[in-house]
Amino acid sequence: MSSIQSAVVCGRVLARSLASLYHELTTGEAALSSRRHSHRSLASVANVSYRTKSRRITGLMTASCGYSKDKESAAAPSSGSAGASSDKHSRTCSVKQENFGDDACFLTEHKSAFVMGVADGVGGWRDYGVDPSEFSRMLMKTCELMVKTGCFSPSNPIGIISSGYKELLENKAPLVGSSTACIIVLDKDTCMLYSANLGDSGFMVIRHGAIIHRSEEQQHYFNTPFQLALAPPGQDGMVLSDRPESADTSQMDVEDGDMIFLATDGLFDNLSDAMILREVSKIKDTSLGGLQSTVDYIATKARELAYNPSYHSPFAQNAQKAGYNVTGGKPDDITALLSLIEITSDG
């Protein structure tokens, strides 16, 4: 994103933040007035709730690793490091903003939530002289900006994708391309996970050695995932493009020690869920180093198998189900994030 594009986007986001703050202040004052005149029994109920045990997500330790399919070099892992947080009771590890090929990712924190996302630029645009990575990177950058400026609701991850996409649509600088998107929001106060997945990236939640949740993949037909797009001038309606609201959504309660594995399709096309689970279940060292070693191994294994012509990969299995004679792995960009949720309880 150029400095001019960033300034324009930030200006719009700041204006929306101020409007949102004014709305919160005015509605909060009205709500306070209403509570002053409420029945006395409500105060009694509130006092009871304050005495109950509360839980809060206080940390999200995350390690990441990835590869570009265009680089024949060895491992290129990207790892996070524990740092200060805007919330003194909160701890997170930031993912280095290194993108792998046409993939993009982010991990950020707001006072109300931890948010992370991945996007995979559609490589077919390269045939038309367009860099597919520009769209996915700008989409993730604007989504991250929405979170940092508080222009989001933790329970509405589609809103983050929609707002980020809208910023790209309104950007005066020319941008062409398309991308999948997967956003995960962890509400600190409710210990709830909210997700929105558009396309064939995805995630799984692992608890006590079992996958307790797996996102749904969205395909129009084989190897053609749902995607957001910006068409060249004059070609609107001629390019495949889905609405952010078409994303598959989910929500669930999370517990201390739950692990989240988030990745683009370059990972899932080459490793089965069972293979990923087997490696995550081996983790004994839950420090950042332990997570990093595991995600490095998983991403490296996926890359190795992607170039194995005799491997019966998940991609090849799905291709054969669709009637295509395909064998071997699928060379592709790979981005993977492995996170450990930390929850504390009072009392």
Protein backbone atom coordinates (compact mmCIF):
# COMPACT_ATOMS: atom_id res chain seq x y z
CA MET A 1 0.00 0.00 0.00
CA SER A 2 1.53 3.36 -1.00
CA SER A 3 1.83 6.24 1.47
CA ILE A 4 -0.93 8.16 -0.36
CA GLN A 5 -3.26 5.14 -0.30
CA SER A 6 -2.53 4.61 3.40
CA ALA A 7 -3.27 8.26 4.20
CA VAL A 8 -6.60 8.15 2.37
CA VAL A 9 -7.64 4.92 4.06
CA CYS A 10 -6.54 6.12 7.52
CA GLY A 11 -8.47 9.38 7.03
CA ARG A 12 -11.69 7.54 6.25
CA VAL A 13 -11.19 5.14 9.13
CA LEU A 14 -10.49 7.98 11.59
CA ALA A 15 -13.67 9.78 10.55
CA ARG A 16 -15.68 6.61 11.10
CA SER A 17 -14.02 6.06 14.47
CA LEU A 18 -15.02 9.54 15.66
CA ALA A 19 -18.59 9.00 14.50
CA SER A 20 -18.69 5.66 16.29
CA LEU A 21 -17.32 7.22 19.49
CA TYR A 22 -19.97 9.98 19.43
CA HIS A 23 -22.66 7.33 18.98
CA GLU A 24 -21.33 5.31 21.93
CA LEU A 25 -21.21 8.37 24.19
CA THR A 26 -24.73 9.53 23.37
CA THR A 27 -26.30 6.07 23.60
CA GLY A 28 -24.33 5.35 26.78
CA GLU A 29 -25.69 8.51 28.44
CA ALA A 30 -29.24 7.54 27.51
CA ALA A 31 -28.72 4.03 28.82
CA LEU A 32 -27.34 5.39 32.10
CA SER A 33 -30.39 7.60 32.55
CA SER A 34 -32.62 4.62 31.91
CA ARG A 35 -30.81 2.49 34.46
CA ARG A 36 -31.20 5.16 37.15
CA HIS A 37 -34.95 4.80 36.87
CA SER A 38 -35.03 1.01 36.64
CA HIS A 39 -36.61 -1.16 39.31
CA ARG A 40 -34.54 -1.79 42.43
CA SER A 41 -34.61 -5.56 41.87
CA LEU A 42 -32.39 -5.14 38.78
CA ALA A 43 -29.61 -3.81 40.96
CA SER A 44 -29.96 -6.85 43.15
CA VAL A 45 -29.57 -9.16 40.14
CA ALA A 46 -26.52 -7.19 38.99
CA ASN A 47 -24.89 -7.56 42.40
CA VAL A 48 -25.30 -11.32 42.18
CA SER A 49 -23.66 -11.42 38.73
CA TYR A 50 -20.65 -9.46 39.99
CA ARG A 51 -20.02 -12.15 42.57
CA THR A 52 -19.91 -14.93 39.99
CA LYS A 53 -16.59 -16.21 38.70
CA SER A 54 -15.50 -14.41 35.51
CA ARG A 55 -13.19 -15.62 32.76
CA ARG A 56 -11.16 -13.53 30.34
CA ILE A 57 -8.83 -14.22 27.45
CA THR A 58 -5.56 -12.70 28.57
CA GLY A 59 -3.14 -14.00 25.99
CA LEU A 60 -2.80 -15.37 22.50
CA MET A 61 0.64 -16.84 21.87
CA THR A 62 1.15 -17.26 18.14
CA ALA A 63 3.87 -18.63 15.87
CA SER A 64 3.78 -18.59 12.08
CA CYS A 65 5.61 -20.02 9.10
CA GLY A 66 5.22 -19.87 5.35
CA TYR A 67 6.68 -20.41 1.90
CA SER A 68 6.31 -18.92 -1.54
CA LYS A 69 5.90 -21.51 -4.25
CA ASP A 70 8.16 -19.41 -6.46
CA LYS A 71 11.11 -19.72 -4.11
CA GLU A 72 13.14 -22.88 -4.19
CA SER A 73 15.08 -21.86 -1.10
CA ALA A 74 14.92 -23.62 2.24
CA ALA A 75 12.72 -22.68 5.21
CA ALA A 76 11.58 -19.11 5.62
CA PRO A 77 9.78 -19.15 8.95
CA SER A 78 8.21 -16.05 10.44
CA SER A 79 7.83 -16.04 14.22
CA GLY A 80 6.29 -13.80 16.83
CA SER A 81 7.77 -12.49 20.05
CA ALA A 82 6.00 -11.59 23.27
CA GLY A 83 5.64 -7.85 23.67
CA ALA A 84 3.87 -5.16 25.61
CA SER A 85 0.13 -4.86 25.14
CA SER A 86 -2.34 -2.01 25.35
CA ASP A 87 -4.06 -4.05 28.06
CA LYS A 88 -1.80 -4.67 31.06
CA HIS A 89 -3.62 -7.94 31.72
CA SER A 90 -3.15 -9.15 28.17
CA ARG A 91 -0.30 -10.79 26.33
CA THR A 92 0.03 -11.52 22.65
CA CYS A 93 2.74 -12.44 20.21
CA SER A 94 2.79 -10.40 17.03
CA VAL A 95 3.24 -12.13 13.69
CA LYS A 96 5.96 -10.53 11.63
CA GLN A 97 4.27 -8.95 8.62
CA GLU A 98 6.05 -11.16 6.12
CA ASN A 99 3.94 -12.33 3.23
CA PHE A 100 4.56 -15.51 1.32
CA GLY A 101 3.94 -15.30 -2.42
CA ASP A 102 0.34 -14.21 -3.02
CA ASP A 103 -0.69 -14.96 0.58
CA ALA A 104 -1.08 -12.31 3.27
CA CYS A 105 -1.78 -12.47 6.99
CA PHE A 106 -2.07 -10.37 10.13
CA LEU A 107 -2.45 -10.70 13.88
CA THR A 108 -3.42 -7.69 15.96
CA GLU A 109 -4.97 -6.76 19.26
CA HIS A 110 -7.65 -4.32 20.38
CA LYS A 111 -8.71 -3.70 23.96
CA SER A 112 -11.74 -5.92 23.35
CA ALA A 113 -10.33 -8.70 21.17
CA PHE A 114 -7.51 -10.53 19.47
CA VAL A 115 -8.00 -10.70 15.70
CA MET A 116 -6.09 -12.62 13.03
CA GLY A 117 -6.63 -13.31 9.37
CA VAL A 118 -5.22 -14.83 6.21
CA ALA A 119 -5.91 -14.14 2.55
CA ASP A 120 -4.81 -15.88 -0.63
CA GLY A 121 -4.55 -13.82 -3.82
CA VAL A 122 -5.94 -15.59 -6.89
CA GLY A 123 -2.94 -16.46 -9.02
CA GLY A 124 -4.82 -16.44 -12.34
CA TRP A 125 -4.49 -12.67 -12.48
CA ARG A 126 -0.80 -13.06 -13.26
CA ASP A 127 -1.79 -14.17 -16.78
CA TYR A 128 -3.19 -10.66 -17.32
CA GLY A 129 -0.14 -8.84 -16.03
CA VAL A 130 -1.56 -8.26 -12.54
CA ASP A 131 0.36 -9.03 -9.34
CA PRO A 132 -2.10 -11.20 -7.33
CA SER A 133 -0.37 -10.39 -4.05
CA GLU A 134 -1.34 -6.71 -4.11
CA PHE A 135 -5.04 -7.35 -3.54
CA SER A 136 -4.61 -9.88 -0.72
CA ARG A 137 -2.04 -7.73 1.09
CA MET A 138 -4.11 -4.56 0.88
CA LEU A 139 -7.22 -6.43 2.00
CA MET A 140 -5.48 -7.76 5.10
CA LYS A 141 -3.88 -4.38 5.77
CA THR A 142 -7.23 -2.58 5.69
CA CYS A 143 -8.86 -5.28 7.83
CA GLU A 144 -6.08 -4.91 10.39
CA LEU A 145 -6.54 -1.14 10.34
CA MET A 146 -10.25 -1.52 11.05
CA VAL A 147 -9.42 -3.50 14.18
CA LYS A 148 -6.68 -1.19 15.40
CA THR A 149 -8.96 1.84 15.11
CA GLY A 150 -11.87 0.08 16.81
CA CYS A 151 -14.13 0.10 13.75
CA PHE A 152 -15.46 -3.40 14.37
CA SER A 153 -17.64 -5.53 16.60
CA PRO A 154 -16.01 -8.68 18.02
CA SER A 155 -19.13 -10.72 17.29
CA ASN A 156 -19.21 -9.65 13.62
CA PRO A 157 -16.10 -10.80 11.74
CA ILE A 158 -17.93 -10.44 8.43
CA GLY A 159 -18.10 -6.75 9.24
CA ILE A 160 -14.29 -6.60 9.32
CA ILE A 161 -14.02 -8.21 5.89
CA SER A 162 -16.82 -6.03 4.53
CA SER A 163 -15.29 -2.80 5.86
CA GLY A 164 -11.83 -3.70 4.59
CA TYR A 165 -13.22 -4.59 1.16
CA LYS A 166 -15.26 -1.38 1.06
CA GLU A 167 -12.10 0.64 1.64
CA LEU A 168 -10.53 -1.01 -1.40
CA LEU A 169 -13.63 -0.33 -3.50
CA GLU A 170 -13.53 3.36 -2.54
CA ASN A 171 -9.78 3.70 -3.04
CA LYS A 172 -9.05 6.11 -5.87
CA ALA A 173 -5.79 4.39 -6.73
CA PRO A 174 -6.25 1.60 -9.28
CA LEU A 175 -6.29 -1.90 -7.82
CA VAL A 176 -7.22 -5.09 -9.64
CA GLY A 177 -7.34 -8.65 -8.35
CA SER A 178 -9.18 -11.04 -6.11
CA SER A 179 -8.61 -13.01 -2.92
CA THR A 180 -10.08 -15.39 -0.39
CA ALA A 181 -10.30 -14.24 3.24
CA CYS A 182 -10.56 -15.87 6.66
CA ILE A 183 -10.92 -13.79 9.84
CA ILE A 184 -10.94 -15.05 13.45
CA VAL A 185 -11.94 -12.83 16.37
CA LEU A 186 -11.43 -13.79 20.01
CA ASP A 187 -13.63 -11.69 22.30
CA LYS A 188 -11.58 -11.21 25.47
CA ASP A 189 -14.50 -10.58 27.82
CA THR A 190 -16.85 -13.35 26.66
CA CYS A 191 -14.20 -15.96 25.77
CA MET A 192 -16.00 -16.48 22.47
CA LEU A 193 -14.44 -17.19 19.09
CA TYR A 194 -16.16 -15.68 16.06
CA SER A 195 -15.09 -16.48 12.51
CA ALA A 196 -15.86 -15.63 8.90
CA ASN A 197 -14.35 -17.69 6.10
CA LEU A 198 -14.78 -16.81 2.43
CA GLY A 199 -13.15 -19.36 0.15
CA ASP A 200 -10.74 -22.22 0.76
CA SER A 201 -8.43 -20.96 3.48
CA GLY A 202 -9.54 -22.13 6.90
CA PHE A 203 -8.86 -23.06 10.49
CA MET A 204 -9.38 -25.68 13.15
CA VAL A 205 -9.69 -25.49 16.92
CA ILE A 206 -7.91 -28.26 18.84
CA ARG A 207 -8.67 -29.19 22.44
CA HIS A 208 -7.16 -32.09 24.39
CA GLY A 209 -5.85 -33.74 21.24
CA ALA A 210 -9.10 -33.54 19.25
CA ILE A 211 -10.44 -31.22 16.56
CA ILE A 212 -13.54 -29.68 18.12
CA HIS A 213 -14.23 -27.28 15.25
CA ARG A 214 -13.25 -27.08 11.58
CA SER A 215 -14.21 -24.25 9.23
CA GLU A 216 -16.16 -25.00 6.06
CA GLU A 217 -14.50 -24.62 2.66
CA GLN A 218 -16.43 -22.67 0.02
CA GLN A 219 -16.06 -23.57 -3.66
CA HIS A 220 -18.13 -22.61 -6.71
CA TYR A 221 -16.67 -25.67 -8.37
CA PHE A 222 -13.40 -27.56 -8.12
CA ASN A 223 -10.40 -25.30 -7.52
CA THR A 224 -12.55 -22.15 -7.82
CA PRO A 225 -13.10 -20.78 -4.33
CA PHE A 226 -15.40 -18.00 -3.21
CA GLN A 227 -13.50 -14.72 -3.48
CA LEU A 228 -13.66 -10.96 -3.25
CA ALA A 229 -12.60 -9.14 -6.41
CA LEU A 230 -11.94 -5.76 -8.00
CA ALA A 231 -12.35 -5.87 -11.77
CA PRO A 232 -10.50 -3.76 -14.31
CA PRO A 233 -12.32 -0.55 -15.32
CA GLY A 234 -15.37 -1.27 -17.45
CA GLN A 235 -15.38 -4.98 -16.66
CA ASP A 236 -17.60 -5.09 -13.58
CA GLY A 237 -19.82 -8.16 -13.75
CA MET A 238 -17.33 -9.98 -15.95
CA VAL A 239 -15.11 -11.11 -13.07
CA LEU A 240 -16.09 -13.72 -10.49
CA SER A 241 -16.75 -11.89 -7.23
CA ASP A 242 -18.66 -12.85 -4.10
CA ARG A 243 -20.07 -10.68 -1.36
CA PRO A 244 -18.45 -10.59 2.08
CA GLU A 245 -21.83 -11.62 3.48
CA SER A 246 -21.48 -14.95 1.65
CA ALA A 247 -18.73 -16.00 4.05
CA ASP A 248 -19.33 -19.04 6.24
CA THR A 249 -19.56 -17.95 9.87
CA SER A 250 -19.25 -19.73 13.19
CA GLN A 251 -19.01 -19.01 16.88
CA MET A 252 -17.97 -21.07 19.86
CA ASP A 253 -16.83 -20.84 23.45
CA VAL A 254 -13.10 -21.37 23.95
CA GLU A 255 -11.15 -22.68 26.93
CA ASP A 256 -7.70 -22.14 28.36
CA GLY A 257 -5.18 -24.18 26.40
CA ASP A 258 -7.23 -24.41 23.20
CA MET A 259 -5.13 -24.18 20.05
CA ILE A 260 -6.08 -22.54 16.77
CA PHE A 261 -4.46 -23.60 13.50
CA LEU A 262 -5.14 -21.06 10.72
CA ALA A 263 -3.79 -21.50 7.19
CA THR A 264 -4.24 -20.87 3.49
CA ASP A 265 -5.20 -23.60 1.03
CA GLY A 266 -1.57 -24.26 0.12
CA LEU A 267 -1.29 -25.98 3.50
CA PHE A 268 -4.61 -27.81 3.53
CA ASP A 269 -4.23 -29.00 -0.08
CA ASN A 270 -1.10 -30.91 0.93
CA LEU A 271 -1.75 -32.07 4.50
CA SER A 272 -4.86 -33.75 5.82
CA ASP A 273 -6.52 -32.61 9.02
CA ALA A 274 -5.39 -35.86 10.65
CA MET A 275 -1.74 -35.16 9.80
CA ILE A 276 -1.97 -31.64 11.23
CA LEU A 277 -3.69 -32.88 14.37
CA ARG A 278 -1.04 -35.53 14.90
CA GLU A 279 1.73 -32.92 15.00
CA VAL A 280 -0.16 -30.43 17.16
CA SER A 281 -1.06 -33.20 19.61
CA LYS A 282 2.63 -33.94 20.12
CA ILE A 283 3.26 -30.52 21.65
CA LYS A 284 4.61 -30.78 25.19
CA ASP A 285 6.44 -27.46 25.29
CA THR A 286 3.75 -24.79 25.11
CA SER A 287 6.24 -21.92 25.03
CA LEU A 288 6.56 -19.79 21.92
CA GLY A 289 9.55 -21.89 20.92
CA GLY A 290 7.50 -25.07 21.16
CA LEU A 291 4.74 -23.62 18.99
CA GLN A 292 7.27 -22.32 16.49
CA SER A 293 8.95 -25.71 16.11
CA THR A 294 5.59 -27.34 15.43
CA VAL A 295 4.29 -24.83 12.88
CA ASP A 296 7.69 -24.84 11.14
CA TYR A 297 7.53 -28.62 10.82
CA ILE A 298 3.93 -28.60 9.55
CA ALA A 299 4.55 -25.92 6.91
CA THR A 300 7.82 -27.51 5.81
CA LYS A 301 6.17 -30.93 5.49
CA ALA A 302 3.37 -29.44 3.39
CA ARG A 303 5.90 -27.82 1.08
CA GLU A 304 7.88 -31.05 0.76
CA LEU A 305 4.78 -33.08 -0.13
CA ALA A 306 3.57 -30.40 -2.56
CA TYR A 307 6.43 -31.37 -4.88
CA ASN A 308 6.03 -35.14 -4.47
CA PRO A 309 4.48 -36.46 -7.73
CA SER A 310 3.43 -39.77 -6.19
CA TYR A 311 1.82 -38.38 -3.04
CA HIS A 312 -1.95 -38.87 -2.80
CA SER A 313 -2.61 -35.38 -1.52
CA PRO A 314 -5.95 -33.96 -0.31
CA PHE A 315 -5.91 -31.81 -3.46
CA ALA A 316 -5.47 -34.87 -5.70
CA GLN A 317 -8.23 -36.71 -3.84
CA ASN A 318 -10.65 -33.83 -4.34
CA ALA A 319 -9.65 -33.49 -7.99
CA GLN A 320 -10.36 -37.17 -8.61
CA LYS A 321 -13.76 -36.82 -6.94
CA ALA A 322 -14.49 -34.00 -9.38
CA GLY A 323 -13.51 -36.17 -12.33
CA TYR A 324 -9.96 -34.95 -12.93
CA ASN A 325 -7.01 -37.30 -13.36
CA VAL A 326 -4.65 -35.61 -10.90
CA THR A 327 -1.92 -37.13 -8.76
CA GLY A 328 0.75 -35.73 -6.46
CA GLY A 329 0.85 -32.67 -4.27
CA LYS A 330 -0.05 -29.13 -5.23
CA PRO A 331 2.76 -26.53 -5.31
CA ASP A 332 1.34 -23.35 -3.85
CA ASP A 333 2.07 -20.52 -1.46
CA ILE A 334 1.79 -21.63 2.17
CA THR A 335 0.93 -19.56 5.23
CA ALA A 336 0.24 -21.12 8.64
CA LEU A 337 -0.38 -19.68 12.11
CA LEU A 338 -0.56 -21.72 15.31
CA SER A 339 -2.00 -20.01 18.40
CA LEU A 340 -2.41 -20.97 22.04
CA ILE A 341 -5.28 -19.34 23.97
CA GLU A 342 -4.63 -18.24 27.54
CA ILE A 343 -7.63 -17.64 29.82
CA THR A 344 -7.57 -16.54 33.44
CA SER A 345 -10.39 -16.65 35.98
CA ASP A 346 -10.87 -14.51 39.07
CA GLY A 347 -11.66 -16.03 42.43
